[in-house]
Amino acid sequence: MMNTEHKRPLVSVSCITYNHAKYIRQCLDGFIMQKTNFSFEVLIHDDASTDGTAEIIKEYEKRYPEIIKPIYEEENQWSRGRRGSAEFNFPRAVGKYIALCEGDDYWIDPNKLQKQVDFLETHPEYSMCFHNAVEHFEDGSQQDRLFSNIKDRNYSGYEIYNEWIIPTASTVFTRNVIKSKIYDKICSTPGIKYGDTPLFLCAAKEGLIYGMKDIMSVYRRHVGGLILCSSLEDKLSLNEHDMAIYKCLGNKYKKIVFHKICKRCIYLYISMDKSIRRKYNYLLFDALNKDLFYSISYIIYAYFKYRLIRCKVRL
C-alpha cells in the first residue's frame, strides 16, 4: 500500500456488505495489503448491518481514512430494490478503473490490483479483466476448489453469460463501462435481479475482456450469501432477470436467454412435487413457446435424468 495522501485514486474499489461481521476483516485486510505504485480508494456501502459489521468498518476507516470511505445506512436499501454498487458506490467513484469485492469475499494476492491495472493500462482496447478464484464452502460440506478454470485468454460476452465463469471479486473494469448508455438502460430496467452479469455484458460491449489464470481471490459460499435463491419464486424470478437482459442487450443474447429460461422452467416443473404441478403448468407452455425444438429435447433429457436419479435413491 502506497501513501495515497493528496493523490487522485487510479482505482476505486466497490465493496457492498450486509451482516458480514464474521468475514469483513478478512475482506478489508485484502484491500489494505495491496502493493501498488498508484493510489486507490475503497468505497464501502454497509446496508444497515445489525451484527457489528459497521463497527468493524469504522475501525479501518479511522486507521486508513484516505482509503476507506464508507456509507452507513440506517435502513436496508436492498429490500427496497436499490443496489449498493450501482446507486451508492459507482456515483462517487473517481478512479479510472473500478474493482469489485463484496464483504464476504476477499483478495489473497497483494499484487492483484497492480497486475490487473498494468494489463489494462497497456491494452486500452480491453474494458475489463478478471482472474481465477478459490471457491470456499464455509460449512465445510465440500473441499475448496477453483470457482472456474480460467485461462489466459479473451472471453466473449456470450461465453460469460452462458457459463457464469467470473468471480465478482476478481473483476477490474474501466470507468467507461458504468458511464455507457447501455449500463444506464440496464440500471433503469425493471426485472434485473442481480447486477454483476449485466455489468460484465456491458463491459463486453465497450471493449474486449481478458481472463487471467492467476488465483488471486476467494469466493465464499455460505447461507447468507447474496446470490442464493432458495424458494421456488426466487428461482422463477430469474426468468424476469434473463428477459430483462435480453430486452437491454438485444438479439445477440436472445437464443441463450430463451434456452436458459426453457431449462429452468422444465427443470423446476419436473422436479417439483406432483401435488403442485398443475399450478405451474404455465412453465411448460412458456418454455415450449420460446423454443419448441430445444424445449422438447431438454424435456426428454431432464425426464430421464430425473428418473435415473430417483432409481439410484431407491437402490
C-alpha atoms as a PDB file:
ATOM      1  CA  MET A   1       0.000   0.000   0.000  1.00  0.00           C
ATOM      2  CA  MET A   2       1.482   3.317  -1.055  1.00  0.00           C
ATOM      3  CA  ASN A   3       0.976   6.713   0.526  1.00  0.00           C
ATOM      4  CA  THR A   4      -2.230   7.981  -1.071  1.00  0.00           C
ATOM      5  CA  GLU A   5      -2.329  11.409   0.527  1.00  0.00           C
ATOM      6  CA  HIS A   6      -3.255  14.185  -1.955  1.00  0.00           C
ATOM      7  CA  LYS A   7      -3.168  11.762  -4.904  1.00  0.00           C
ATOM      8  CA  ARG A   8      -6.213  11.073  -7.047  1.00  0.00           C
ATOM      9  CA  PRO A   9      -7.022   7.350  -6.865  1.00  0.00           C
ATOM     10  CA  LEU A  10      -6.436   5.423 -10.081  1.00  0.00           C
ATOM     11  CA  VAL A  11      -8.711   2.621  -8.844  1.00  0.00           C
ATOM     12  CA  SER A  12     -11.989   2.755  -6.940  1.00  0.00           C
ATOM     13  CA  VAL A  13     -12.861  -0.485  -5.145  1.00  0.00           C
ATOM     14  CA  SER A  14     -16.589  -1.036  -4.641  1.00  0.00           C
ATOM     15  CA  CYS A  15     -17.476  -3.162  -1.620  1.00  0.00           C
ATOM     16  CA  ILE A  16     -21.080  -3.849  -0.619  1.00  0.00           C
ATOM     17  CA  THR A  17     -21.757  -5.526   2.699  1.00  0.00           C
ATOM     18  CA  TYR A  18     -24.602  -6.616   4.941  1.00  0.00           C
ATOM     19  CA  ASN A  19     -24.190  -8.602   8.169  1.00  0.00           C
ATOM     20  CA  HIS A  20     -20.695  -9.760   7.271  1.00  0.00           C
ATOM     21  CA  ALA A  21     -19.134  -9.321  10.724  1.00  0.00           C
ATOM     22  CA  LYS A  22     -17.594 -12.814  10.511  1.00  0.00           C
ATOM     23  CA  TYR A  23     -15.870 -12.009   7.227  1.00  0.00           C
ATOM     24  CA  ILE A  24     -15.367  -8.274   6.794  1.00  0.00           C
ATOM     25  CA  ARG A  25     -11.932  -8.056   8.472  1.00  0.00           C
ATOM     26  CA  GLN A  26     -10.513 -10.566   6.012  1.00  0.00           C
ATOM     27  CA  CYS A  27     -12.054  -8.585   3.176  1.00  0.00           C
ATOM     28  CA  LEU A  28     -10.663  -5.243   4.372  1.00  0.00           C
ATOM     29  CA  ASP A  29      -7.227  -6.725   5.060  1.00  0.00           C
ATOM     30  CA  GLY A  30      -7.178  -7.924   1.453  1.00  0.00           C
ATOM     31  CA  PHE A  31      -7.603  -4.322   0.318  1.00  0.00           C
ATOM     32  CA  ILE A  32      -5.074  -2.803   2.680  1.00  0.00           C
ATOM     33  CA  MET A  33      -2.344  -5.335   1.816  1.00  0.00           C
ATOM     34  CA  GLN A  34      -2.322  -4.346  -1.870  1.00  0.00           C
ATOM     35  CA  LYS A  35       1.107  -3.285  -3.126  1.00  0.00           C
ATOM     36  CA  THR A  36       0.664  -0.697  -5.857  1.00  0.00           C
ATOM     37  CA  ASN A  37       2.533   2.167  -7.498  1.00  0.00           C
ATOM     38  CA  PHE A  38      -0.754   4.088  -7.637  1.00  0.00           C
ATOM     39  CA  SER A  39      -3.320   5.221  -5.092  1.00  0.00           C
ATOM     40  CA  PHE A  40      -6.712   3.615  -4.683  1.00  0.00           C
ATOM     41  CA  GLU A  41      -9.872   4.151  -2.655  1.00  0.00           C
ATOM     42  CA  VAL A  42     -12.252   1.626  -1.095  1.00  0.00           C
ATOM     43  CA  LEU A  43     -15.901   2.648  -1.303  1.00  0.00           C
ATOM     44  CA  ILE A  44     -17.985   0.635   1.162  1.00  0.00           C
ATOM     45  CA  HIS A  45     -21.751   0.523   1.339  1.00  0.00           C
ATOM     46  CA  ASP A  46     -22.948  -1.057   4.579  1.00  0.00           C
ATOM     47  CA  ASP A  47     -26.634  -1.778   4.127  1.00  0.00           C
ATOM     48  CA  ALA A  48     -27.797  -1.298   7.735  1.00  0.00           C
ATOM     49  CA  SER A  49     -25.990  -4.310   9.186  1.00  0.00           C
ATOM     50  CA  THR A  50     -27.198  -5.434  12.610  1.00  0.00           C
ATOM     51  CA  ASP A  51     -24.340  -7.766  13.593  1.00  0.00           C
ATOM     52  CA  GLY A  52     -21.480  -5.343  14.236  1.00  0.00           C
ATOM     53  CA  THR A  53     -20.180  -5.114  10.666  1.00  0.00           C
ATOM     54  CA  ALA A  54     -20.359  -1.312  10.711  1.00  0.00           C
ATOM     55  CA  GLU A  55     -18.301  -1.112  13.904  1.00  0.00           C
ATOM     56  CA  ILE A  56     -15.503  -3.143  12.308  1.00  0.00           C
ATOM     57  CA  ILE A  57     -15.539  -0.944   9.208  1.00  0.00           C
ATOM     58  CA  LYS A  58     -15.273   2.138  11.436  1.00  0.00           C
ATOM     59  CA  GLU A  59     -12.058   0.739  12.940  1.00  0.00           C
ATOM     60  CA  TYR A  60     -10.486   0.577   9.485  1.00  0.00           C
ATOM     61  CA  GLU A  61     -11.939   3.941   8.483  1.00  0.00           C
ATOM     62  CA  LYS A  62     -10.220   5.515  11.483  1.00  0.00           C
ATOM     63  CA  ARG A  63      -6.875   3.840  10.688  1.00  0.00           C
ATOM     64  CA  TYR A  64      -6.994   4.421   6.910  1.00  0.00           C
ATOM     65  CA  PRO A  65      -9.200   7.494   6.358  1.00  0.00           C
ATOM     66  CA  GLU A  66      -7.594   8.278   2.991  1.00  0.00           C
ATOM     67  CA  ILE A  67      -8.547   4.829   1.660  1.00  0.00           C
ATOM     68  CA  ILE A  68     -11.631   3.516   3.473  1.00  0.00           C
ATOM     69  CA  LYS A  69     -14.694   5.596   2.539  1.00  0.00           C
ATOM     70  CA  PRO A  70     -17.915   4.067   3.880  1.00  0.00           C
ATOM     71  CA  ILE A  71     -21.607   4.842   3.741  1.00  0.00           C
ATOM     72  CA  TYR A  72     -23.582   3.518   6.720  1.00  0.00           C
ATOM     73  CA  GLU A  73     -27.270   3.043   6.016  1.00  0.00           C
ATOM     74  CA  GLU A  74     -29.865   3.309   8.772  1.00  0.00           C
ATOM     75  CA  GLU A  75     -32.468   1.426   6.718  1.00  0.00           C
ATOM     76  CA  ASN A  76     -31.797  -1.558   4.469  1.00  0.00           C
ATOM     77  CA  GLN A  77     -31.759  -0.477   0.830  1.00  0.00           C
ATOM     78  CA  TRP A  78     -31.592  -3.917  -0.835  1.00  0.00           C
ATOM     79  CA  SER A  79     -35.063  -4.752   0.490  1.00  0.00           C
ATOM     80  CA  ARG A  80     -36.336  -1.592  -1.208  1.00  0.00           C
ATOM     81  CA  GLY A  81     -34.959  -2.676  -4.564  1.00  0.00           C
ATOM     82  CA  ARG A  82     -31.870  -0.452  -4.510  1.00  0.00           C
ATOM     83  CA  ARG A  83     -28.432  -1.755  -5.478  1.00  0.00           C
ATOM     84  CA  GLY A  84     -25.421  -0.895  -3.349  1.00  0.00           C
ATOM     85  CA  SER A  85     -22.743  -0.611  -6.023  1.00  0.00           C
ATOM     86  CA  ALA A  86     -24.791   0.943  -8.821  1.00  0.00           C
ATOM     87  CA  GLU A  87     -26.621   3.504  -6.698  1.00  0.00           C
ATOM     88  CA  PHE A  88     -24.263   4.292  -3.821  1.00  0.00           C
ATOM     89  CA  ASN A  89     -20.680   3.408  -4.763  1.00  0.00           C
ATOM     90  CA  PHE A  90     -20.320   3.910  -8.517  1.00  0.00           C
ATOM     91  CA  PRO A  91     -21.633   7.508  -8.481  1.00  0.00           C
ATOM     92  CA  ARG A  92     -18.879   8.575  -6.059  1.00  0.00           C
ATOM     93  CA  ALA A  93     -16.047   6.598  -7.675  1.00  0.00           C
ATOM     94  CA  VAL A  94     -13.259   8.793  -9.045  1.00  0.00           C
ATOM     95  CA  GLY A  95     -10.897   6.090 -10.318  1.00  0.00           C
ATOM     96  CA  LYS A  96     -10.126   5.396 -13.960  1.00  0.00           C
ATOM     97  CA  TYR A  97     -10.725   1.747 -13.082  1.00  0.00           C
ATOM     98  CA  ILE A  98     -13.227   0.083 -10.771  1.00  0.00           C
ATOM     99  CA  ALA A  99     -12.689  -3.170  -8.864  1.00  0.00           C
ATOM    100  CA  LEU A 100     -15.366  -5.222  -7.119  1.00  0.00           C
ATOM    101  CA  CYS A 101     -15.302  -7.256  -3.917  1.00  0.00           C
ATOM    102  CA  GLU A 102     -18.280  -7.958  -1.683  1.00  0.00           C
ATOM    103  CA  GLY A 103     -17.828  -8.024   2.081  1.00  0.00           C
ATOM    104  CA  ASP A 104     -17.885 -11.798   2.417  1.00  0.00           C
ATOM    105  CA  ASP A 105     -15.249 -12.405  -0.286  1.00  0.00           C
ATOM    106  CA  TYR A 106     -11.585 -11.442  -0.103  1.00  0.00           C
ATOM    107  CA  TRP A 107      -8.344 -10.975  -2.046  1.00  0.00           C
ATOM    108  CA  ILE A 108      -5.349 -13.206  -1.378  1.00  0.00           C
ATOM    109  CA  ASP A 109      -2.668 -11.771  -3.671  1.00  0.00           C
ATOM    110  CA  PRO A 110      -1.064  -8.455  -2.608  1.00  0.00           C
ATOM    111  CA  ASN A 111      -0.216  -7.749  -6.255  1.00  0.00           C
ATOM    112  CA  LYS A 112      -3.726  -8.339  -7.588  1.00  0.00           C
ATOM    113  CA  LEU A 113      -4.626  -4.731  -8.354  1.00  0.00           C
ATOM    114  CA  GLN A 114      -1.200  -3.932  -9.761  1.00  0.00           C
ATOM    115  CA  LYS A 115      -1.296  -6.899 -12.159  1.00  0.00           C
ATOM    116  CA  GLN A 116      -4.749  -6.071 -13.466  1.00  0.00           C
ATOM    117  CA  VAL A 117      -4.176  -2.337 -13.792  1.00  0.00           C
ATOM    118  CA  ASP A 118      -0.859  -2.937 -15.574  1.00  0.00           C
ATOM    119  CA  PHE A 119      -2.699  -5.093 -18.101  1.00  0.00           C
ATOM    120  CA  LEU A 120      -5.490  -2.574 -18.709  1.00  0.00           C
ATOM    121  CA  GLU A 121      -3.077   0.354 -18.919  1.00  0.00           C
ATOM    122  CA  THR A 122      -1.030  -1.377 -21.629  1.00  0.00           C
ATOM    123  CA  HIS A 123      -4.060  -2.773 -23.501  1.00  0.00           C
ATOM    124  CA  PRO A 124      -6.524   0.113 -23.964  1.00  0.00           C
ATOM    125  CA  GLU A 125      -8.718  -1.991 -26.265  1.00  0.00           C
ATOM    126  CA  TYR A 126      -9.791  -4.015 -23.194  1.00  0.00           C
ATOM    127  CA  SER A 127     -12.609  -2.831 -20.946  1.00  0.00           C
ATOM    128  CA  MET A 128     -12.298  -5.495 -18.223  1.00  0.00           C
ATOM    129  CA  CYS A 129     -10.113  -8.274 -16.900  1.00  0.00           C
ATOM    130  CA  PHE A 130     -10.741 -10.966 -14.308  1.00  0.00           C
ATOM    131  CA  HIS A 131      -8.935 -13.964 -12.813  1.00  0.00           C
ATOM    132  CA  ASN A 132      -9.261 -17.333 -11.124  1.00  0.00           C
ATOM    133  CA  ALA A 133     -10.618 -17.598  -7.593  1.00  0.00           C
ATOM    134  CA  VAL A 134     -10.879 -20.223  -4.897  1.00  0.00           C
ATOM    135  CA  GLU A 135     -14.432 -21.311  -4.116  1.00  0.00           C
ATOM    136  CA  HIS A 136     -14.626 -21.819  -0.354  1.00  0.00           C
ATOM    137  CA  PHE A 137     -17.550 -23.617   1.339  1.00  0.00           C
ATOM    138  CA  GLU A 138     -17.969 -22.036   4.748  1.00  0.00           C
ATOM    139  CA  ASP A 139     -19.851 -25.002   6.229  1.00  0.00           C
ATOM    140  CA  GLY A 140     -17.105 -27.444   5.253  1.00  0.00           C
ATOM    141  CA  SER A 141     -19.516 -29.516   3.161  1.00  0.00           C
ATOM    142  CA  GLN A 142     -17.069 -29.556   0.257  1.00  0.00           C
ATOM    143  CA  GLN A 143     -13.357 -29.030  -0.217  1.00  0.00           C
ATOM    144  CA  ASP A 144     -12.060 -25.764  -1.623  1.00  0.00           C
ATOM    145  CA  ARG A 145     -11.853 -25.741  -5.415  1.00  0.00           C
ATOM    146  CA  LEU A 146     -11.430 -23.375  -8.329  1.00  0.00           C
ATOM    147  CA  PHE A 147     -14.523 -21.274  -8.984  1.00  0.00           C
ATOM    148  CA  SER A 148     -13.936 -21.857 -12.698  1.00  0.00           C
ATOM    149  CA  ASN A 149     -10.944 -22.932 -14.734  1.00  0.00           C
ATOM    150  CA  ILE A 150      -9.989 -19.573 -16.218  1.00  0.00           C
ATOM    151  CA  LYS A 151      -7.206 -19.457 -18.800  1.00  0.00           C
ATOM    152  CA  ASP A 152      -5.026 -16.606 -20.039  1.00  0.00           C
ATOM    153  CA  ARG A 153      -7.221 -15.614 -22.991  1.00  0.00           C
ATOM    154  CA  ASN A 154     -10.053 -13.426 -24.224  1.00  0.00           C
ATOM    155  CA  TYR A 155     -13.640 -14.192 -23.201  1.00  0.00           C
ATOM    156  CA  SER A 156     -16.763 -13.158 -25.105  1.00  0.00           C
ATOM    157  CA  GLY A 157     -19.906 -11.760 -23.513  1.00  0.00           C
ATOM    158  CA  TYR A 158     -21.847 -14.757 -24.831  1.00  0.00           C
ATOM    159  CA  GLU A 159     -19.443 -17.155 -23.111  1.00  0.00           C
ATOM    160  CA  ILE A 160     -19.549 -15.205 -19.851  1.00  0.00           C
ATOM    161  CA  TYR A 161     -23.343 -15.168 -19.779  1.00  0.00           C
ATOM    162  CA  ASN A 162     -23.718 -18.805 -20.781  1.00  0.00           C
ATOM    163  CA  GLU A 163     -21.286 -20.299 -18.280  1.00  0.00           C
ATOM    164  CA  TRP A 164     -21.216 -17.894 -15.278  1.00  0.00           C
ATOM    165  CA  ILE A 165     -17.440 -18.116 -15.011  1.00  0.00           C
ATOM    166  CA  ILE A 166     -16.492 -14.763 -13.489  1.00  0.00           C
ATOM    167  CA  PRO A 167     -15.958 -14.476  -9.717  1.00  0.00           C
ATOM    168  CA  THR A 168     -17.203 -10.976  -8.914  1.00  0.00           C
ATOM    169  CA  ALA A 169     -14.262 -10.212  -6.607  1.00  0.00           C
ATOM    170  CA  SER A 170     -11.850 -10.875  -9.478  1.00  0.00           C
ATOM    171  CA  THR A 171     -13.010  -8.080 -11.765  1.00  0.00           C
ATOM    172  CA  VAL A 172     -11.431  -4.760 -12.661  1.00  0.00           C
ATOM    173  CA  PHE A 173     -13.063  -2.711 -15.416  1.00  0.00           C
ATOM    174  CA  THR A 174     -12.805   0.740 -16.937  1.00  0.00           C
ATOM    175  CA  ARG A 175     -14.937   3.594 -15.686  1.00  0.00           C
ATOM    176  CA  ASN A 176     -16.364   3.930 -19.222  1.00  0.00           C
ATOM    177  CA  VAL A 177     -18.436   0.794 -18.616  1.00  0.00           C
ATOM    178  CA  ILE A 178     -20.635   2.404 -15.958  1.00  0.00           C
ATOM    179  CA  LYS A 179     -20.810   5.651 -17.937  1.00  0.00           C
ATOM    180  CA  SER A 180     -22.190   3.908 -21.023  1.00  0.00           C
ATOM    181  CA  LYS A 181     -25.765   4.353 -22.264  1.00  0.00           C
ATOM    182  CA  ILE A 182     -26.372   0.613 -22.161  1.00  0.00           C
ATOM    183  CA  TYR A 183     -25.443   0.490 -18.455  1.00  0.00           C
ATOM    184  CA  ASP A 184     -27.840   3.361 -17.731  1.00  0.00           C
ATOM    185  CA  LYS A 185     -30.530   1.392 -19.563  1.00  0.00           C
ATOM    186  CA  ILE A 186     -29.838  -1.741 -17.521  1.00  0.00           C
ATOM    187  CA  CYS A 187     -29.973   0.170 -14.242  1.00  0.00           C
ATOM    188  CA  SER A 188     -33.398   1.564 -15.119  1.00  0.00           C
ATOM    189  CA  THR A 189     -34.893  -1.686 -16.461  1.00  0.00           C
ATOM    190  CA  PRO A 190     -37.382  -3.490 -14.170  1.00  0.00           C
ATOM    191  CA  GLY A 191     -36.669  -7.166 -13.577  1.00  0.00           C
ATOM    192  CA  ILE A 192     -32.887  -7.008 -13.219  1.00  0.00           C
ATOM    193  CA  LYS A 193     -32.325  -9.046 -10.056  1.00  0.00           C
ATOM    194  CA  TYR A 194     -28.522  -9.099  -9.843  1.00  0.00           C
ATOM    195  CA  GLY A 195     -26.150  -6.524 -11.235  1.00  0.00           C
ATOM    196  CA  ASP A 196     -22.897  -8.381 -11.823  1.00  0.00           C
ATOM    197  CA  THR A 197     -23.631 -10.324 -15.027  1.00  0.00           C
ATOM    198  CA  PRO A 198     -25.358  -7.380 -16.768  1.00  0.00           C
ATOM    199  CA  LEU A 199     -22.357  -5.247 -15.813  1.00  0.00           C
ATOM    200  CA  PHE A 200     -19.966  -7.769 -17.372  1.00  0.00           C
ATOM    201  CA  LEU A 201     -22.064  -7.867 -20.550  1.00  0.00           C
ATOM    202  CA  CYS A 202     -21.890  -4.065 -20.715  1.00  0.00           C
ATOM    203  CA  ALA A 203     -18.116  -4.367 -20.467  1.00  0.00           C
ATOM    204  CA  ALA A 204     -18.188  -6.807 -23.386  1.00  0.00           C
ATOM    205  CA  LYS A 205     -19.956  -4.154 -25.481  1.00  0.00           C
ATOM    206  CA  GLU A 206     -17.427  -1.486 -24.506  1.00  0.00           C
ATOM    207  CA  GLY A 207     -14.291  -3.486 -25.330  1.00  0.00           C
ATOM    208  CA  LEU A 208     -12.513  -6.810 -25.027  1.00  0.00           C
ATOM    209  CA  ILE A 209     -12.478  -8.894 -21.837  1.00  0.00           C
ATOM    210  CA  TYR A 210      -9.410 -10.816 -20.681  1.00  0.00           C
ATOM    211  CA  GLY A 211      -9.164 -13.699 -18.237  1.00  0.00           C
ATOM    212  CA  MET A 212      -6.075 -14.417 -16.126  1.00  0.00           C
ATOM    213  CA  LYS A 213      -5.191 -17.844 -14.773  1.00  0.00           C
ATOM    214  CA  ASP A 214      -3.712 -16.344 -11.568  1.00  0.00           C
ATOM    215  CA  ILE A 215      -5.624 -17.296  -8.395  1.00  0.00           C
ATOM    216  CA  MET A 216      -5.989 -14.002  -6.541  1.00  0.00           C
ATOM    217  CA  SER A 217      -9.277 -14.038  -4.593  1.00  0.00           C
ATOM    218  CA  VAL A 218     -11.673 -16.241  -2.635  1.00  0.00           C
ATOM    219  CA  TYR A 219     -15.383 -16.621  -3.332  1.00  0.00           C
ATOM    220  CA  ARG A 220     -17.114 -17.654  -0.136  1.00  0.00           C
ATOM    221  CA  ARG A 221     -20.254 -19.819  -0.262  1.00  0.00           C
ATOM    222  CA  HIS A 222     -22.442 -19.539   2.835  1.00  0.00           C
ATOM    223  CA  VAL A 223     -26.098 -19.366   3.823  1.00  0.00           C
ATOM    224  CA  GLY A 224     -26.111 -15.576   3.994  1.00  0.00           C
ATOM    225  CA  GLY A 225     -24.596 -15.128   0.530  1.00  0.00           C
ATOM    226  CA  LEU A 226     -26.352 -12.616  -1.684  1.00  0.00           C
ATOM    227  CA  ILE A 227     -26.862 -14.859  -4.716  1.00  0.00           C
ATOM    228  CA  LEU A 228     -28.592 -17.817  -3.076  1.00  0.00           C
ATOM    229  CA  CYS A 229     -32.101 -18.420  -4.480  1.00  0.00           C
ATOM    230  CA  SER A 230     -33.792 -20.815  -2.101  1.00  0.00           C
ATOM    231  CA  SER A 231     -37.516 -20.569  -2.819  1.00  0.00           C
ATOM    232  CA  LEU A 232     -39.339 -21.573  -5.989  1.00  0.00           C
ATOM    233  CA  GLU A 233     -40.485 -17.996  -6.532  1.00  0.00           C
ATOM    234  CA  ASP A 234     -36.904 -16.732  -6.190  1.00  0.00           C
ATOM    235  CA  LYS A 235     -35.790 -19.173  -8.867  1.00  0.00           C
ATOM    236  CA  LEU A 236     -38.666 -18.214 -11.147  1.00  0.00           C
ATOM    237  CA  SER A 237     -37.792 -14.534 -10.741  1.00  0.00           C
ATOM    238  CA  LEU A 238     -34.568 -15.308 -12.585  1.00  0.00           C
ATOM    239  CA  ASN A 239     -36.693 -15.665 -15.732  1.00  0.00           C
ATOM    240  CA  GLU A 240     -37.607 -11.982 -15.434  1.00  0.00           C
ATOM    241  CA  HIS A 241     -33.942 -11.194 -14.863  1.00  0.00           C
ATOM    242  CA  ASP A 242     -32.876 -13.018 -18.027  1.00  0.00           C
ATOM    243  CA  MET A 243     -35.658 -11.464 -20.119  1.00  0.00           C
ATOM    244  CA  ALA A 244     -34.632  -8.005 -18.895  1.00  0.00           C
ATOM    245  CA  ILE A 245     -31.065  -8.697 -20.051  1.00  0.00           C
ATOM    246  CA  TYR A 246     -32.390  -9.682 -23.482  1.00  0.00           C
ATOM    247  CA  LYS A 247     -34.503  -6.524 -23.722  1.00  0.00           C
ATOM    248  CA  CYS A 248     -31.491  -4.369 -22.872  1.00  0.00           C
ATOM    249  CA  LEU A 249     -28.827  -6.091 -24.953  1.00  0.00           C
ATOM    250  CA  GLY A 250     -30.837  -7.239 -27.953  1.00  0.00           C
ATOM    251  CA  ASN A 251     -30.875 -10.208 -30.302  1.00  0.00           C
ATOM    252  CA  LYS A 252     -27.247 -11.149 -29.722  1.00  0.00           C
ATOM    253  CA  TYR A 253     -28.311 -12.840 -26.481  1.00  0.00           C
ATOM    254  CA  LYS A 254     -31.844 -13.900 -27.495  1.00  0.00           C
ATOM    255  CA  LYS A 255     -31.058 -17.568 -28.133  1.00  0.00           C
ATOM    256  CA  ILE A 256     -29.101 -18.102 -24.928  1.00  0.00           C
ATOM    257  CA  VAL A 257     -31.692 -16.205 -22.838  1.00  0.00           C
ATOM    258  CA  PHE A 258     -34.508 -18.349 -24.185  1.00  0.00           C
ATOM    259  CA  HIS A 259     -32.518 -21.542 -23.629  1.00  0.00           C
ATOM    260  CA  LYS A 260     -31.755 -20.567 -20.030  1.00  0.00           C
ATOM    261  CA  ILE A 261     -35.423 -19.889 -19.345  1.00  0.00           C
ATOM    262  CA  CYS A 262     -36.509 -23.126 -21.046  1.00  0.00           C
ATOM    263  CA  LYS A 263     -34.089 -25.213 -18.989  1.00  0.00           C
ATOM    264  CA  ARG A 264     -35.063 -23.512 -15.741  1.00  0.00           C
ATOM    265  CA  CYS A 265     -38.810 -23.890 -16.339  1.00  0.00           C
ATOM    266  CA  ILE A 266     -38.558 -27.531 -17.372  1.00  0.00           C
ATOM    267  CA  TYR A 267     -36.207 -28.499 -14.547  1.00  0.00           C
ATOM    268  CA  LEU A 268     -38.363 -26.828 -11.902  1.00  0.00           C
ATOM    269  CA  TYR A 269     -41.535 -28.376 -13.298  1.00  0.00           C
ATOM    270  CA  ILE A 270     -40.156 -31.926 -13.459  1.00  0.00           C
ATOM    271  CA  SER A 271     -38.517 -31.777 -10.029  1.00  0.00           C
ATOM    272  CA  MET A 272     -41.431 -30.224  -8.107  1.00  0.00           C
ATOM    273  CA  ASP A 273     -43.972 -32.222  -6.121  1.00  0.00           C
ATOM    274  CA  LYS A 274     -46.810 -33.609  -8.260  1.00  0.00           C
ATOM    275  CA  SER A 275     -49.402 -32.065  -5.954  1.00  0.00           C
ATOM    276  CA  ILE A 276     -48.500 -28.534  -7.072  1.00  0.00           C
ATOM    277  CA  ARG A 277     -47.548 -29.170 -10.698  1.00  0.00           C
ATOM    278  CA  ARG A 278     -50.938 -28.186 -12.096  1.00  0.00           C
ATOM    279  CA  LYS A 279     -50.491 -24.721 -10.630  1.00  0.00           C
ATOM    280  CA  TYR A 280     -47.284 -24.376 -12.630  1.00  0.00           C
ATOM    281  CA  ASN A 281     -48.391 -25.848 -15.970  1.00  0.00           C
ATOM    282  CA  TYR A 282     -47.627 -22.466 -17.481  1.00  0.00           C
ATOM    283  CA  LEU A 283     -43.909 -23.171 -17.047  1.00  0.00           C
ATOM    284  CA  LEU A 284     -44.015 -25.846 -19.729  1.00  0.00           C
ATOM    285  CA  PHE A 285     -46.094 -23.680 -22.055  1.00  0.00           C
ATOM    286  CA  ASP A 286     -43.683 -20.781 -21.540  1.00  0.00           C
ATOM    287  CA  ALA A 287     -40.709 -22.980 -22.427  1.00  0.00           C
ATOM    288  CA  LEU A 288     -42.398 -24.518 -25.485  1.00  0.00           C
ATOM    289  CA  ASN A 289     -43.448 -21.105 -26.699  1.00  0.00           C
ATOM    290  CA  LYS A 290     -39.912 -19.723 -26.532  1.00  0.00           C
ATOM    291  CA  ASP A 291     -38.131 -22.578 -28.337  1.00  0.00           C
ATOM    292  CA  LEU A 292     -40.181 -25.640 -29.248  1.00  0.00           C
ATOM    293  CA  PHE A 293     -37.434 -27.955 -30.530  1.00  0.00           C
ATOM    294  CA  TYR A 294     -34.963 -27.105 -27.763  1.00  0.00           C
ATOM    295  CA  SER A 295     -37.639 -27.494 -25.074  1.00  0.00           C
ATOM    296  CA  ILE A 296     -38.796 -30.910 -26.293  1.00  0.00           C
ATOM    297  CA  SER A 297     -35.182 -32.098 -26.431  1.00  0.00           C
ATOM    298  CA  TYR A 298     -34.497 -30.847 -22.920  1.00  0.00           C
ATOM    299  CA  ILE A 299     -37.754 -32.300 -21.549  1.00  0.00           C
ATOM    300  CA  ILE A 300     -36.667 -35.750 -22.749  1.00  0.00           C
ATOM    301  CA  TYR A 301     -33.160 -35.280 -21.326  1.00  0.00           C
ATOM    302  CA  ALA A 302     -34.359 -33.887 -17.975  1.00  0.00           C
ATOM    303  CA  TYR A 303     -37.079 -36.522 -17.549  1.00  0.00           C
ATOM    304  CA  PHE A 304     -34.742 -39.472 -17.962  1.00  0.00           C
ATOM    305  CA  LYS A 305     -32.049 -37.827 -15.839  1.00  0.00           C
ATOM    306  CA  TYR A 306     -34.581 -37.235 -13.052  1.00  0.00           C
ATOM    307  CA  ARG A 307     -35.888 -40.822 -13.292  1.00  0.00           C
ATOM    308  CA  LEU A 308     -32.332 -42.163 -13.140  1.00  0.00           C
ATOM    309  CA  ILE A 309     -31.593 -40.138 -10.008  1.00  0.00           C
ATOM    310  CA  ARG A 310     -34.787 -41.398  -8.336  1.00  0.00           C
ATOM    311  CA  CYS A 311     -33.912 -45.009  -9.204  1.00  0.00           C
ATOM    312  CA  LYS A 312     -30.462 -44.610  -7.641  1.00  0.00           C
ATOM    313  CA  VAL A 313     -32.017 -43.156  -4.487  1.00  0.00           C
ATOM    314  CA  ARG A 314     -34.368 -46.143  -4.186  1.00  0.00           C
ATOM    315  CA  LEU A 315     -31.482 -48.562  -4.597  1.00  0.00           C
END
